[in-house]
C-alpha atoms as a PDB file:
ATOM      1  CA  MET A   1      58.038 -27.315 120.629  1.00  0.00           C
ATOM      2  CA  PRO A   2      61.274 -29.258 120.216  1.00  0.00           C
ATOM      3  CA  CYS A   3      62.647 -29.399 116.709  1.00  0.00           C
ATOM      4  CA  VAL A   4      62.674 -33.138 116.124  1.00  0.00           C
ATOM      5  CA  THR A   5      63.401 -34.630 112.747  1.00  0.00           C
ATOM      6  CA  ASP A   6      62.713 -37.997 111.205  1.00  0.00           C
ATOM      7  CA  VAL A   7      64.693 -40.679 113.042  1.00  0.00           C
ATOM      8  CA  THR A   8      65.057 -42.529 109.748  1.00  0.00           C
ATOM      9  CA  ILE A   9      67.475 -39.777 108.615  1.00  0.00           C
ATOM     10  CA  PRO A  10      71.034 -41.047 109.122  1.00  0.00           C
ATOM     11  CA  ARG A  11      72.751 -38.932 111.747  1.00  0.00           C
ATOM     12  CA  PRO A  12      76.393 -37.915 111.319  1.00  0.00           C
ATOM     13  CA  ASP A  13      79.101 -39.130 113.652  1.00  0.00           C
ATOM     14  CA  PRO A  14      80.119 -36.798 116.525  1.00  0.00           C
ATOM     15  CA  GLU A  15      83.142 -35.329 114.703  1.00  0.00           C
ATOM     16  CA  GLU A  16      81.102 -34.567 111.590  1.00  0.00           C
ATOM     17  CA  GLU A  17      78.277 -33.179 113.690  1.00  0.00           C
ATOM     18  CA  ALA A  18      80.678 -30.861 115.556  1.00  0.00           C
ATOM     19  CA  SER A  19      81.860 -29.414 112.255  1.00  0.00           C
ATOM     20  CA  ARG A  20      78.268 -28.630 111.270  1.00  0.00           C
ATOM     21  CA  GLY A  21      77.462 -26.289 114.106  1.00  0.00           C
ATOM     22  CA  GLY A  22      77.686 -23.339 111.772  1.00  0.00           C
ATOM     23  CA  LEU A  23      77.787 -20.036 113.634  1.00  0.00           C
ATOM     24  CA  ILE A  24      76.637 -21.587 116.927  1.00  0.00           C
ATOM     25  CA  SER A  25      78.709 -24.022 118.995  1.00  0.00           C
ATOM     26  CA  ASN A  26      77.223 -27.146 120.568  1.00  0.00           C
ATOM     27  CA  LYS A  27      77.741 -25.616 124.028  1.00  0.00           C
ATOM     28  CA  GLN A  28      75.813 -22.501 123.049  1.00  0.00           C
ATOM     29  CA  LEU A  29      73.063 -24.694 121.599  1.00  0.00           C
ATOM     30  CA  THR A  30      72.784 -26.616 124.866  1.00  0.00           C
ATOM     31  CA  GLU A  31      72.587 -23.402 126.908  1.00  0.00           C
ATOM     32  CA  ALA A  32      69.977 -21.962 124.558  1.00  0.00           C
ATOM     33  CA  SER A  33      67.930 -25.169 124.813  1.00  0.00           C
ATOM     34  CA  VAL A  34      67.765 -24.856 128.610  1.00  0.00           C
ATOM     35  CA  ILE A  35      66.508 -21.265 128.323  1.00  0.00           C
ATOM     36  CA  TYR A  36      64.044 -22.342 125.630  1.00  0.00           C
ATOM     37  CA  ASN A  37      62.549 -25.106 127.783  1.00  0.00           C
ATOM     38  CA  VAL A  38      61.948 -22.667 130.640  1.00  0.00           C
ATOM     39  CA  LEU A  39      60.390 -19.997 128.398  1.00  0.00           C
ATOM     40  CA  ILE A  40      58.263 -22.320 126.292  1.00  0.00           C
ATOM     41  CA  GLY A  41      56.961 -24.057 129.402  1.00  0.00           C
ATOM     42  CA  SER A  42      55.987 -20.683 130.908  1.00  0.00           C
ATOM     43  CA  PHE A  43      54.270 -19.602 127.689  1.00  0.00           C
ATOM     44  CA  GLU A  44      52.358 -22.862 127.364  1.00  0.00           C
ATOM     45  CA  ILE A  45      51.124 -22.896 130.957  1.00  0.00           C
ATOM     46  CA  THR A  46      50.139 -19.196 130.831  1.00  0.00           C
ATOM     47  CA  GLY A  47      48.491 -19.645 127.438  1.00  0.00           C
ATOM     48  CA  PHE A  48      46.618 -22.732 128.648  1.00  0.00           C
ATOM     49  CA  ILE A  49      45.153 -20.768 131.570  1.00  0.00           C
ATOM     50  CA  PHE A  50      44.306 -17.735 129.420  1.00  0.00           C
ATOM     51  CA  ASN A  51      42.650 -19.813 126.697  1.00  0.00           C
ATOM     52  CA  THR A  52      40.625 -21.688 129.299  1.00  0.00           C
ATOM     53  CA  PHE A  53      39.250 -18.278 130.306  1.00  0.00           C
ATOM     54  CA  ASN A  54      38.640 -17.479 126.620  1.00  0.00           C
ATOM     55  CA  LEU A  55      36.587 -20.628 126.123  1.00  0.00           C
ATOM     56  CA  ILE A  56      34.490 -20.088 129.253  1.00  0.00           C
ATOM     57  CA  VAL A  57      33.894 -16.392 128.556  1.00  0.00           C
ATOM     58  CA  PHE A  58      32.872 -16.901 124.920  1.00  0.00           C
ATOM     59  CA  VAL A  59      30.492 -19.706 125.918  1.00  0.00           C
ATOM     60  CA  GLN A  60      28.885 -17.443 128.508  1.00  0.00           C
ATOM     61  CA  MET A  61      28.712 -14.592 125.993  1.00  0.00           C
ATOM     62  CA  GLY A  62      27.042 -16.935 123.525  1.00  0.00           C
ATOM     63  CA  VAL A  63      28.280 -18.170 120.171  1.00  0.00           C
ATOM     64  CA  SER A  64      25.179 -17.291 118.188  1.00  0.00           C
ATOM     65  CA  ASP A  65      26.750 -14.465 116.165  1.00  0.00           C
ATOM     66  CA  PRO A  66      29.480 -14.952 113.526  1.00  0.00           C
ATOM     67  CA  VAL A  67      32.054 -12.869 115.400  1.00  0.00           C
ATOM     68  CA  ASN A  68      31.942 -14.909 118.615  1.00  0.00           C
ATOM     69  CA  VAL A  69      31.804 -18.159 116.634  1.00  0.00           C
ATOM     70  CA  CYS A  70      35.136 -17.269 115.022  1.00  0.00           C
ATOM     71  CA  PHE A  71      36.739 -16.103 118.267  1.00  0.00           C
ATOM     72  CA  PHE A  72      35.561 -19.281 120.017  1.00  0.00           C
ATOM     73  CA  ALA A  73      36.967 -21.465 117.214  1.00  0.00           C
ATOM     74  CA  LEU A  74      40.335 -19.718 117.489  1.00  0.00           C
ATOM     75  CA  ALA A  75      40.337 -20.273 121.258  1.00  0.00           C
ATOM     76  CA  VAL A  76      39.594 -23.986 120.721  1.00  0.00           C
ATOM     77  CA  SER A  77      42.439 -24.501 118.238  1.00  0.00           C
ATOM     78  CA  ASP A  78      44.837 -22.474 120.416  1.00  0.00           C
ATOM     79  CA  HIS A  79      43.836 -24.535 123.450  1.00  0.00           C
ATOM     80  CA  CYS A  80      44.481 -27.778 121.563  1.00  0.00           C
ATOM     81  CA  LEU A  81      47.848 -26.411 120.403  1.00  0.00           C
ATOM     82  CA  LEU A  82      48.890 -25.451 123.934  1.00  0.00           C
ATOM     83  CA  THR A  83      47.721 -28.763 125.407  1.00  0.00           C
ATOM     84  CA  THR A  84      49.623 -30.755 122.797  1.00  0.00           C
ATOM     85  CA  GLY A  85      52.659 -28.474 123.209  1.00  0.00           C
ATOM     86  CA  LEU A  86      52.705 -29.152 126.946  1.00  0.00           C
ATOM     87  CA  LEU A  87      52.536 -32.894 126.276  1.00  0.00           C
ATOM     88  CA  VAL A  88      55.397 -32.609 123.779  1.00  0.00           C
ATOM     89  CA  LEU A  89      57.535 -30.730 126.310  1.00  0.00           C
ATOM     90  CA  MET A  90      56.775 -33.202 129.092  1.00  0.00           C
ATOM     91  CA  VAL A  91      57.399 -36.231 126.885  1.00  0.00           C
ATOM     92  CA  TYR A  92      60.557 -34.834 125.274  1.00  0.00           C
ATOM     93  CA  ASN A  93      62.105 -34.139 128.697  1.00  0.00           C
ATOM     94  CA  ASP A  94      60.466 -37.242 130.240  1.00  0.00           C
ATOM     95  CA  ILE A  95      59.307 -35.259 133.254  1.00  0.00           C
ATOM     96  CA  GLY A  96      58.829 -37.598 136.206  1.00  0.00           C
ATOM     97  CA  SER A  97      60.558 -40.453 134.298  1.00  0.00           C
ATOM     98  CA  MET A  98      57.082 -41.732 133.442  1.00  0.00           C
ATOM     99  CA  LEU A  99      58.032 -42.869 129.943  1.00  0.00           C
ATOM    100  CA  LYS A 100      61.190 -44.524 131.189  1.00  0.00           C
ATOM    101  CA  ASN A 101      59.172 -46.472 133.728  1.00  0.00           C
ATOM    102  CA  LEU A 102      56.730 -47.471 130.975  1.00  0.00           C
ATOM    103  CA  SER A 103      59.620 -48.438 128.660  1.00  0.00           C
ATOM    104  CA  VAL A 104      58.621 -45.881 126.033  1.00  0.00           C
ATOM    105  CA  ASN A 105      61.198 -44.113 123.873  1.00  0.00           C
ATOM    106  CA  SER A 106      60.686 -40.407 124.650  1.00  0.00           C
ATOM    107  CA  LEU A 107      62.106 -39.196 121.313  1.00  0.00           C
ATOM    108  CA  HIS A 108      59.810 -41.482 119.339  1.00  0.00           C
ATOM    109  CA  MET A 109      56.749 -40.490 121.349  1.00  0.00           C
ATOM    110  CA  THR A 110      57.678 -36.843 120.872  1.00  0.00           C
ATOM    111  CA  MET A 111      57.752 -37.303 117.110  1.00  0.00           C
ATOM    112  CA  ILE A 112      54.226 -38.704 117.160  1.00  0.00           C
ATOM    113  CA  LEU A 113      52.872 -35.809 119.246  1.00  0.00           C
ATOM    114  CA  LEU A 114      54.880 -33.163 117.412  1.00  0.00           C
ATOM    115  CA  PHE A 115      52.850 -33.281 114.208  1.00  0.00           C
ATOM    116  CA  TYR A 116      49.578 -33.090 116.136  1.00  0.00           C
ATOM    117  CA  ALA A 117      50.864 -29.795 117.550  1.00  0.00           C
ATOM    118  CA  HIS A 118      51.764 -28.668 114.019  1.00  0.00           C
ATOM    119  CA  MET A 119      48.256 -29.566 112.872  1.00  0.00           C
ATOM    120  CA  PHE A 120      46.574 -27.459 115.561  1.00  0.00           C
ATOM    121  CA  LEU A 121      48.999 -24.606 114.816  1.00  0.00           C
ATOM    122  CA  ASP A 122      48.003 -24.651 111.135  1.00  0.00           C
ATOM    123  CA  ILE A 123      44.318 -24.634 112.113  1.00  0.00           C
ATOM    124  CA  SER A 124      44.900 -21.621 114.396  1.00  0.00           C
ATOM    125  CA  ILE A 125      46.731 -19.815 111.591  1.00  0.00           C
ATOM    126  CA  LEU A 126      43.834 -20.433 109.197  1.00  0.00           C
ATOM    127  CA  ASN A 127      41.264 -19.419 111.828  1.00  0.00           C
ATOM    128  CA  SER A 128      43.133 -16.147 112.446  1.00  0.00           C
ATOM    129  CA  THR A 129      43.332 -15.515 108.700  1.00  0.00           C
ATOM    130  CA  PHE A 130      39.610 -16.149 108.255  1.00  0.00           C
ATOM    131  CA  ILE A 131      38.745 -13.770 111.127  1.00  0.00           C
ATOM    132  CA  SER A 132      40.914 -11.080 109.528  1.00  0.00           C
ATOM    133  CA  LEU A 133      39.496 -11.634 106.043  1.00  0.00           C
ATOM    134  CA  GLN A 134      35.916 -11.749 107.292  1.00  0.00           C
ATOM    135  CA  ARG A 135      36.130  -8.447 109.152  1.00  0.00           C
ATOM    136  CA  CYS A 136      38.162  -6.826 106.367  1.00  0.00           C
ATOM    137  CA  CYS A 137      35.456  -7.626 103.788  1.00  0.00           C
ATOM    138  CA  CYS A 138      32.706  -6.383 106.109  1.00  0.00           C
ATOM    139  CA  VAL A 139      34.566  -3.097 106.602  1.00  0.00           C
ATOM    140  CA  ALA A 140      35.570  -2.574 102.966  1.00  0.00           C
ATOM    141  CA  TRP A 141      32.236  -3.656 101.442  1.00  0.00           C
ATOM    142  CA  PRO A 142      29.714  -3.534 104.327  1.00  0.00           C
ATOM    143  CA  LEU A 143      26.506  -3.713 102.283  1.00  0.00           C
ATOM    144  CA  LYS A 144      27.671  -6.736 100.332  1.00  0.00           C
ATOM    145  CA  PHE A 145      29.478  -8.893 102.878  1.00  0.00           C
ATOM    146  CA  LYS A 146      27.603  -8.370 106.164  1.00  0.00           C
ATOM    147  CA  SER A 147      24.848 -10.604 104.819  1.00  0.00           C
ATOM    148  CA  VAL A 148      27.367 -13.085 103.412  1.00  0.00           C
ATOM    149  CA  PHE A 149      29.188 -14.000 106.636  1.00  0.00           C
ATOM    150  CA  THR A 150      26.225 -15.341 108.598  1.00  0.00           C
ATOM    151  CA  THR A 151      26.697 -17.523 111.665  1.00  0.00           C
ATOM    152  CA  LYS A 152      25.937 -20.738 109.755  1.00  0.00           C
ATOM    153  CA  ARG A 153      28.285 -19.868 106.901  1.00  0.00           C
ATOM    154  CA  SER A 154      31.056 -18.833 109.283  1.00  0.00           C
ATOM    155  CA  LEU A 155      30.608 -22.091 111.169  1.00  0.00           C
ATOM    156  CA  LEU A 156      30.749 -24.025 107.899  1.00  0.00           C
ATOM    157  CA  ILE A 157      34.022 -22.342 106.906  1.00  0.00           C
ATOM    158  CA  ILE A 158      35.500 -23.068 110.344  1.00  0.00           C
ATOM    159  CA  VAL A 159      34.509 -26.732 110.042  1.00  0.00           C
ATOM    160  CA  CYS A 160      36.166 -26.840 106.592  1.00  0.00           C
ATOM    161  CA  ILE A 161      39.328 -25.338 108.083  1.00  0.00           C
ATOM    162  CA  HIS A 162      39.460 -28.052 110.739  1.00  0.00           C
ATOM    163  CA  LEU A 163      38.769 -30.759 108.164  1.00  0.00           C
ATOM    164  CA  TYR A 164      41.594 -29.433 105.977  1.00  0.00           C
ATOM    165  CA  GLY A 165      43.979 -29.479 108.938  1.00  0.00           C
ATOM    166  CA  LEU A 166      43.041 -33.066 109.765  1.00  0.00           C
ATOM    167  CA  ALA A 167      43.112 -34.208 106.135  1.00  0.00           C
ATOM    168  CA  SER A 168      46.562 -32.720 105.481  1.00  0.00           C
ATOM    169  CA  TYR A 169      48.106 -34.610 108.411  1.00  0.00           C
ATOM    170  CA  PHE A 170      45.966 -37.756 108.563  1.00  0.00           C
ATOM    171  CA  PRO A 171      47.989 -39.665 105.913  1.00  0.00           C
ATOM    172  CA  LEU A 172      51.109 -38.940 107.960  1.00  0.00           C
ATOM    173  CA  PHE A 173      49.485 -40.227 111.152  1.00  0.00           C
ATOM    174  CA  LEU A 174      48.727 -43.494 109.368  1.00  0.00           C
ATOM    175  CA  LYS A 175      52.383 -43.915 108.416  1.00  0.00           C
ATOM    176  CA  GLN A 176      53.744 -43.917 111.975  1.00  0.00           C
ATOM    177  CA  THR A 177      52.937 -46.449 114.661  1.00  0.00           C
ATOM    178  CA  LEU A 178      54.270 -47.473 118.062  1.00  0.00           C
ATOM    179  CA  HIS A 179      55.191 -51.092 118.673  1.00  0.00           C
ATOM    180  CA  SER A 180      57.222 -53.068 121.194  1.00  0.00           C
ATOM    181  CA  ALA A 181      60.801 -54.115 120.482  1.00  0.00           C
ATOM    182  CA  PRO A 182      63.651 -55.605 122.524  1.00  0.00           C
ATOM    183  CA  ASP A 183      66.162 -53.142 123.977  1.00  0.00           C
ATOM    184  CA  PRO A 184      69.612 -54.803 124.144  1.00  0.00           C
ATOM    185  CA  LEU A 185      71.000 -52.070 126.420  1.00  0.00           C
ATOM    186  CA  SER A 186      68.502 -52.645 129.219  1.00  0.00           C
ATOM    187  CA  ASN A 187      67.690 -56.252 128.322  1.00  0.00           C
ATOM    188  CA  SER A 188      64.006 -55.401 128.307  1.00  0.00           C
ATOM    189  CA  THR A 189      61.178 -54.497 125.950  1.00  0.00           C
ATOM    190  CA  THR A 190      60.628 -50.894 124.893  1.00  0.00           C
ATOM    191  CA  TRP A 191      58.079 -49.096 122.726  1.00  0.00           C
ATOM    192  CA  ILE A 192      59.501 -47.489 119.594  1.00  0.00           C
ATOM    193  CA  ILE A 193      58.096 -45.752 116.534  1.00  0.00           C
ATOM    194  CA  THR A 194      57.984 -47.335 113.098  1.00  0.00           C
ATOM    195  CA  PHE A 195      57.746 -45.354 109.873  1.00  0.00           C
ATOM    196  CA  SER A 196      56.550 -46.571 106.521  1.00  0.00           C
ATOM    197  CA  LYS A 197      58.592 -45.847 103.390  1.00  0.00           C
ATOM    198  CA  GLU A 198      56.163 -43.130 102.287  1.00  0.00           C
ATOM    199  CA  ARG A 199      56.435 -41.104 105.503  1.00  0.00           C
ATOM    200  CA  SER A 200      59.519 -39.093 104.543  1.00  0.00           C
ATOM    201  CA  ARG A 201      57.808 -38.045 101.310  1.00  0.00           C
ATOM    202  CA  LEU A 202      54.691 -36.992 103.223  1.00  0.00           C
ATOM    203  CA  VAL A 203      56.791 -34.966 105.681  1.00  0.00           C
ATOM    204  CA  SER A 204      58.399 -33.147 102.741  1.00  0.00           C
ATOM    205  CA  VAL A 205      54.988 -32.337 101.238  1.00  0.00           C
ATOM    206  CA  ILE A 206      53.660 -31.027 104.567  1.00  0.00           C
ATOM    207  CA  ASP A 207      56.852 -29.028 105.044  1.00  0.00           C
ATOM    208  CA  ILE A 208      56.382 -27.305 101.692  1.00  0.00           C
ATOM    209  CA  LEU A 209      52.617 -26.765 101.852  1.00  0.00           C
ATOM    210  CA  ASN A 210      51.963 -26.061 105.537  1.00  0.00           C
ATOM    211  CA  GLN A 211      55.285 -25.000 107.020  1.00  0.00           C
ATOM    212  CA  ALA A 212      56.387 -22.765 104.139  1.00  0.00           C
ATOM    213  CA  ALA A 213      53.595 -21.832 101.712  1.00  0.00           C
ATOM    214  CA  LEU A 214      50.849 -21.539 104.341  1.00  0.00           C
ATOM    215  CA  CYS A 215      52.711 -19.166 106.661  1.00  0.00           C
ATOM    216  CA  ILE A 216      53.842 -16.941 103.762  1.00  0.00           C
ATOM    217  CA  ILE A 217      50.408 -16.742 102.069  1.00  0.00           C
ATOM    218  CA  THR A 218      48.528 -16.106 105.318  1.00  0.00           C
ATOM    219  CA  GLN A 219      51.061 -13.427 106.277  1.00  0.00           C
ATOM    220  CA  VAL A 220      50.364 -11.554 103.023  1.00  0.00           C
ATOM    221  CA  VAL A 221      46.582 -11.886 103.468  1.00  0.00           C
ATOM    222  CA  VAL A 222      46.589 -10.727 107.096  1.00  0.00           C
ATOM    223  CA  LEU A 223      48.962  -7.849 106.324  1.00  0.00           C
ATOM    224  CA  THR A 224      46.550  -6.651 103.639  1.00  0.00           C
ATOM    225  CA  CYS A 225      43.613  -6.956 106.031  1.00  0.00           C
ATOM    226  CA  LEU A 226      45.571  -5.102 108.713  1.00  0.00           C
ATOM    227  CA  GLY A 227      46.069  -2.182 106.332  1.00  0.00           C
ATOM    228  CA  VAL A 228      42.352  -2.028 105.490  1.00  0.00           C
ATOM    229  CA  LEU A 229      41.254  -2.280 109.127  1.00  0.00           C
ATOM    230  CA  THR A 230      43.789   0.292 110.326  1.00  0.00           C
ATOM    231  CA  ASN A 231      42.563   2.738 107.689  1.00  0.00           C
ATOM    232  CA  SER A 232      38.975   2.029 108.789  1.00  0.00           C
ATOM    233  CA  LEU A 233      39.808   2.838 112.417  1.00  0.00           C
ATOM    234  CA  ARG A 234      41.461   6.103 111.381  1.00  0.00           C
ATOM    235  CA  SER A 235      38.442   7.093 109.282  1.00  0.00           C
ATOM    236  CA  ALA A 236      36.070   6.249 112.150  1.00  0.00           C
ATOM    237  CA  SER A 237      38.178   8.324 114.560  1.00  0.00           C
ATOM    238  CA  LYS A 238      38.130  11.341 112.226  1.00  0.00           C
ATOM    239  CA  PHE A 239      34.378  10.963 111.768  1.00  0.00           C
ATOM    240  CA  ARG A 240      33.732  10.904 115.517  1.00  0.00           C
ATOM    241  CA  LYS A 241      35.783  14.042 116.018  1.00  0.00           C
ATOM    242  CA  SER A 242      33.899  15.945 113.299  1.00  0.00           C
ATOM    243  CA  ALA A 243      30.425  14.564 114.058  1.00  0.00           C
ATOM    244  CA  SER A 244      27.847  16.729 115.780  1.00  0.00           C
ATOM    245  CA  SER A 245      26.138  15.870 119.042  1.00  0.00           C
ATOM    246  CA  GLU A 246      22.912  15.156 117.168  1.00  0.00           C
ATOM    247  CA  ILE A 247      24.179  11.786 116.065  1.00  0.00           C
ATOM    248  CA  SER A 248      25.408  10.690 119.477  1.00  0.00           C
ATOM    249  CA  GLU A 249      22.768   7.968 119.555  1.00  0.00           C
ATOM    250  CA  SER A 250      24.001   6.630 116.216  1.00  0.00           C
ATOM    251  CA  LYS A 251      27.553   6.621 117.509  1.00  0.00           C
ATOM    252  CA  ALA A 252      26.448   4.619 120.522  1.00  0.00           C
ATOM    253  CA  ASN A 253      24.817   2.046 118.264  1.00  0.00           C
ATOM    254  CA  ASN A 254      28.053   1.711 116.272  1.00  0.00           C
ATOM    255  CA  ARG A 255      30.221   1.282 119.358  1.00  0.00           C
ATOM    256  CA  LYS A 256      30.014  -2.516 119.267  1.00  0.00           C
ATOM    257  CA  GLU A 257      31.072  -2.617 115.618  1.00  0.00           C
ATOM    258  CA  ASP A 258      34.004  -0.285 116.360  1.00  0.00           C
ATOM    259  CA  GLN A 259      35.118  -2.546 119.200  1.00  0.00           C
ATOM    260  CA  VAL A 260      34.972  -5.623 116.960  1.00  0.00           C
ATOM    261  CA  VAL A 261      37.068  -3.860 114.305  1.00  0.00           C
ATOM    262  CA  LYS A 262      39.568  -2.759 116.945  1.00  0.00           C
ATOM    263  CA  THR A 263      39.771  -6.281 118.386  1.00  0.00           C
ATOM    264  CA  VAL A 264      40.341  -7.882 114.981  1.00  0.00           C
ATOM    265  CA  THR A 265      42.888  -5.198 114.061  1.00  0.00           C
ATOM    266  CA  LEU A 266      44.940  -5.955 117.166  1.00  0.00           C
ATOM    267  CA  LEU A 267      44.601  -9.700 116.517  1.00  0.00           C
ATOM    268  CA  CYS A 268      45.928  -9.071 112.995  1.00  0.00           C
ATOM    269  CA  PHE A 269      48.844  -7.102 114.420  1.00  0.00           C
ATOM    270  CA  VAL A 270      49.645  -9.894 116.913  1.00  0.00           C
ATOM    271  CA  PHE A 271      49.432 -12.471 114.125  1.00  0.00           C
ATOM    272  CA  VAL A 272      51.759 -10.515 111.817  1.00  0.00           C
ATOM    273  CA  VAL A 273      54.360 -10.009 114.559  1.00  0.00           C
ATOM    274  CA  THR A 274      54.281 -13.600 115.856  1.00  0.00           C
ATOM    275  CA  ASN A 275      54.143 -15.155 112.372  1.00  0.00           C
ATOM    276  CA  THR A 276      57.033 -13.104 110.946  1.00  0.00           C
ATOM    277  CA  PRO A 277      59.773 -15.420 112.362  1.00  0.00           C
ATOM    278  CA  ALA A 278      58.054 -18.390 110.678  1.00  0.00           C
ATOM    279  CA  VAL A 279      58.089 -16.536 107.354  1.00  0.00           C
ATOM    280  CA  ILE A 280      61.779 -15.645 107.760  1.00  0.00           C
ATOM    281  CA  LEU A 281      62.555 -19.246 108.706  1.00  0.00           C
ATOM    282  CA  ALA A 282      60.682 -20.602 105.684  1.00  0.00           C
ATOM    283  CA  LEU A 283      62.318 -18.197 103.234  1.00  0.00           C
ATOM    284  CA  THR A 284      65.787 -18.835 104.659  1.00  0.00           C
ATOM    285  CA  ARG A 285      65.372 -22.592 104.259  1.00  0.00           C
ATOM    286  CA  ILE A 286      64.316 -22.051 100.640  1.00  0.00           C
ATOM    287  CA  PHE A 287      67.242 -19.813  99.666  1.00  0.00           C
ATOM    288  CA  VAL A 288      69.922 -21.291 101.977  1.00  0.00           C
ATOM    289  CA  PRO A 289      69.872 -25.107 101.542  1.00  0.00           C
ATOM    290  CA  GLU A 290      72.499 -25.595 104.276  1.00  0.00           C
ATOM    291  CA  PHE A 291      70.174 -23.925 106.800  1.00  0.00           C
ATOM    292  CA  ASP A 292      68.480 -27.100 108.041  1.00  0.00           C
ATOM    293  CA  THR A 293      68.870 -30.013 110.428  1.00  0.00           C
ATOM    294  CA  TYR A 294      72.128 -31.990 110.190  1.00  0.00           C
ATOM    295  CA  LYS A 295      73.572 -29.557 107.658  1.00  0.00           C
ATOM    296  CA  ARG A 296      76.114 -26.745 107.912  1.00  0.00           C
ATOM    297  CA  PHE A 297      73.914 -24.377 109.948  1.00  0.00           C
ATOM    298  CA  ASN A 298      72.273 -27.107 112.037  1.00  0.00           C
ATOM    299  CA  ASN A 299      72.736 -25.401 115.432  1.00  0.00           C
ATOM    300  CA  LEU A 300      71.647 -21.985 114.174  1.00  0.00           C
ATOM    301  CA  TYR A 301      68.565 -23.572 112.627  1.00  0.00           C
ATOM    302  CA  PHE A 302      67.612 -25.233 115.930  1.00  0.00           C
ATOM    303  CA  ILE A 303      67.953 -21.966 117.869  1.00  0.00           C
ATOM    304  CA  LEU A 304      65.925 -19.944 115.334  1.00  0.00           C
ATOM    305  CA  HIS A 305      63.346 -22.730 115.105  1.00  0.00           C
ATOM    306  CA  ASN A 306      62.912 -22.654 118.876  1.00  0.00           C
ATOM    307  CA  THR A 307      62.712 -18.853 118.814  1.00  0.00           C
ATOM    308  CA  ASN A 308      59.947 -19.173 116.241  1.00  0.00           C
ATOM    309  CA  ASP A 309      58.106 -21.540 118.590  1.00  0.00           C
ATOM    310  CA  LEU A 310      58.231 -18.906 121.340  1.00  0.00           C
ATOM    311  CA  PHE A 311      56.625 -16.355 119.027  1.00  0.00           C
ATOM    312  CA  GLU A 312      53.942 -18.827 117.903  1.00  0.00           C
ATOM    313  CA  TYR A 313      52.941 -19.712 121.454  1.00  0.00           C
ATOM    314  CA  SER A 314      53.030 -16.082 122.555  1.00  0.00           C
ATOM    315  CA  SER A 315      50.213 -15.431 120.068  1.00  0.00           C
ATOM    316  CA  ALA A 316      47.902 -17.724 122.048  1.00  0.00           C
ATOM    317  CA  VAL A 317      48.837 -15.799 125.210  1.00  0.00           C
ATOM    318  CA  LEU A 318      48.381 -12.327 123.723  1.00  0.00           C
ATOM    319  CA  ASN A 319      44.942 -13.022 122.204  1.00  0.00           C
ATOM    320  CA  PHE A 320      43.405 -13.101 125.680  1.00  0.00           C
ATOM    321  CA  LEU A 321      44.948  -9.714 126.496  1.00  0.00           C
ATOM    322  CA  VAL A 322      43.580  -8.309 123.231  1.00  0.00           C
ATOM    323  CA  TYR A 323      40.031  -9.409 124.069  1.00  0.00           C
ATOM    324  CA  LEU A 324      40.373  -8.052 127.604  1.00  0.00           C
ATOM    325  CA  SER A 325      41.620  -4.644 126.468  1.00  0.00           C
ATOM    326  CA  THR A 326      39.275  -4.010 123.520  1.00  0.00           C
ATOM    327  CA  SER A 327      35.949  -5.690 124.291  1.00  0.00           C
ATOM    328  CA  THR A 328      33.735  -4.219 127.003  1.00  0.00           C
ATOM    329  CA  ARG A 329      31.440  -7.231 126.909  1.00  0.00           C
ATOM    330  CA  PHE A 330      34.360  -9.647 127.263  1.00  0.00           C
ATOM    331  CA  ARG A 331      35.686  -7.686 130.254  1.00  0.00           C
ATOM    332  CA  LYS A 332      32.301  -7.625 131.962  1.00  0.00           C
ATOM    333  CA  THR A 333      31.796 -11.357 131.449  1.00  0.00           C
ATOM    334  CA  PHE A 334      35.328 -12.127 132.629  1.00  0.00           C
ATOM    335  CA  ARG A 335      34.947  -9.974 135.746  1.00  0.00           C
ATOM    336  CA  ALA A 336      31.607 -11.616 136.496  1.00  0.00           C
ATOM    337  CA  LEU A 337      33.260 -15.028 136.074  1.00  0.00           C
ATOM    338  CA  LEU A 338      35.818 -14.129 138.747  1.00  0.00           C
ATOM    339  CA  HIS A 339      33.146 -12.419 140.881  1.00  0.00           C
ATOM    340  CA  LEU A 340      34.977  -9.100 140.668  1.00  0.00           C
ATOM    341  CA  ASP A 341      33.302  -5.775 141.319  1.00  0.00           C
ATOM    342  CA  ASN A 342      32.285  -4.367 137.918  1.00  0.00           C
ATOM    343  CA  LYS A 343      30.560  -1.204 139.104  1.00  0.00           C
ATOM    344  CA  HIS A 344      33.124   0.979 137.380  1.00  0.00           C
ATOM    345  CA  GLU A 345      33.093  -0.931 134.094  1.00  0.00           C
ATOM    346  CA  LYS A 346      31.997   1.302 131.273  1.00  0.00           C
END
């Protein structure tokens, strides 16, 4: 999504802005922005299609067990993120000149939509973390936690995650409104955004809690879960190799559990890889104060911020491929949805 900052922040004059490009020139920034728009648009459209399949498949599979409930919730938040991201991209570039014809300031409208996208991103991050933590506990302490994470309790936690996401951004939404104002350049009326005095403070709080602390904490949690799940898969593989044929029936009964562990492990890996740029970005902003908008490394910050966006949206694309490659039931349901021949599906 575009990196748009508070319009209430005074912007430097052109000469001062040119001196704040840092390691990246304004020309390079413009060229990178064109490439970014093409890539992010491709990721969002592909992810939207893939997550539509995710939603349909999980509904057809049924969301009565805690595993599918969590996967379905992640697909919902990813779908909302991708939908909002597409709107942000269309509004920011005013595709079709729709906003211009409606006399709406595209930058201001983008700023309203931008934080909705951030909200759905935070919800997806928390959903992914919960899925990882849930499966990690069930693998590490199976007798204790398999009865803890029931469908109702998992659903309750997911609802709490969504409520947290809404609650953390809702005060900000109340502090920004669109209203009509005269435009002296076009001698007409245009719609612009108005911020209350408290908005900048709320943006700073969200930036610290959700954009910095959240991505770092969840990265540590998911990395830990990834280690536990990877070790579990190795132990299961060694056990299967050493097991006798007499317990083949038992192995067949455990196949579904093994597939779930493998799916969650790959989801953890995807999360760690795609969330790493956000962690680097957050840490760099903490330790390098000039690495921010309208400061010394303004242009470099914009490019790395946009690169981070590409990684974040790629996660929503890759999740579908993870389900397709690791879950036999998901593949069968997906093939049936497309009316493909599934005679050779194992």
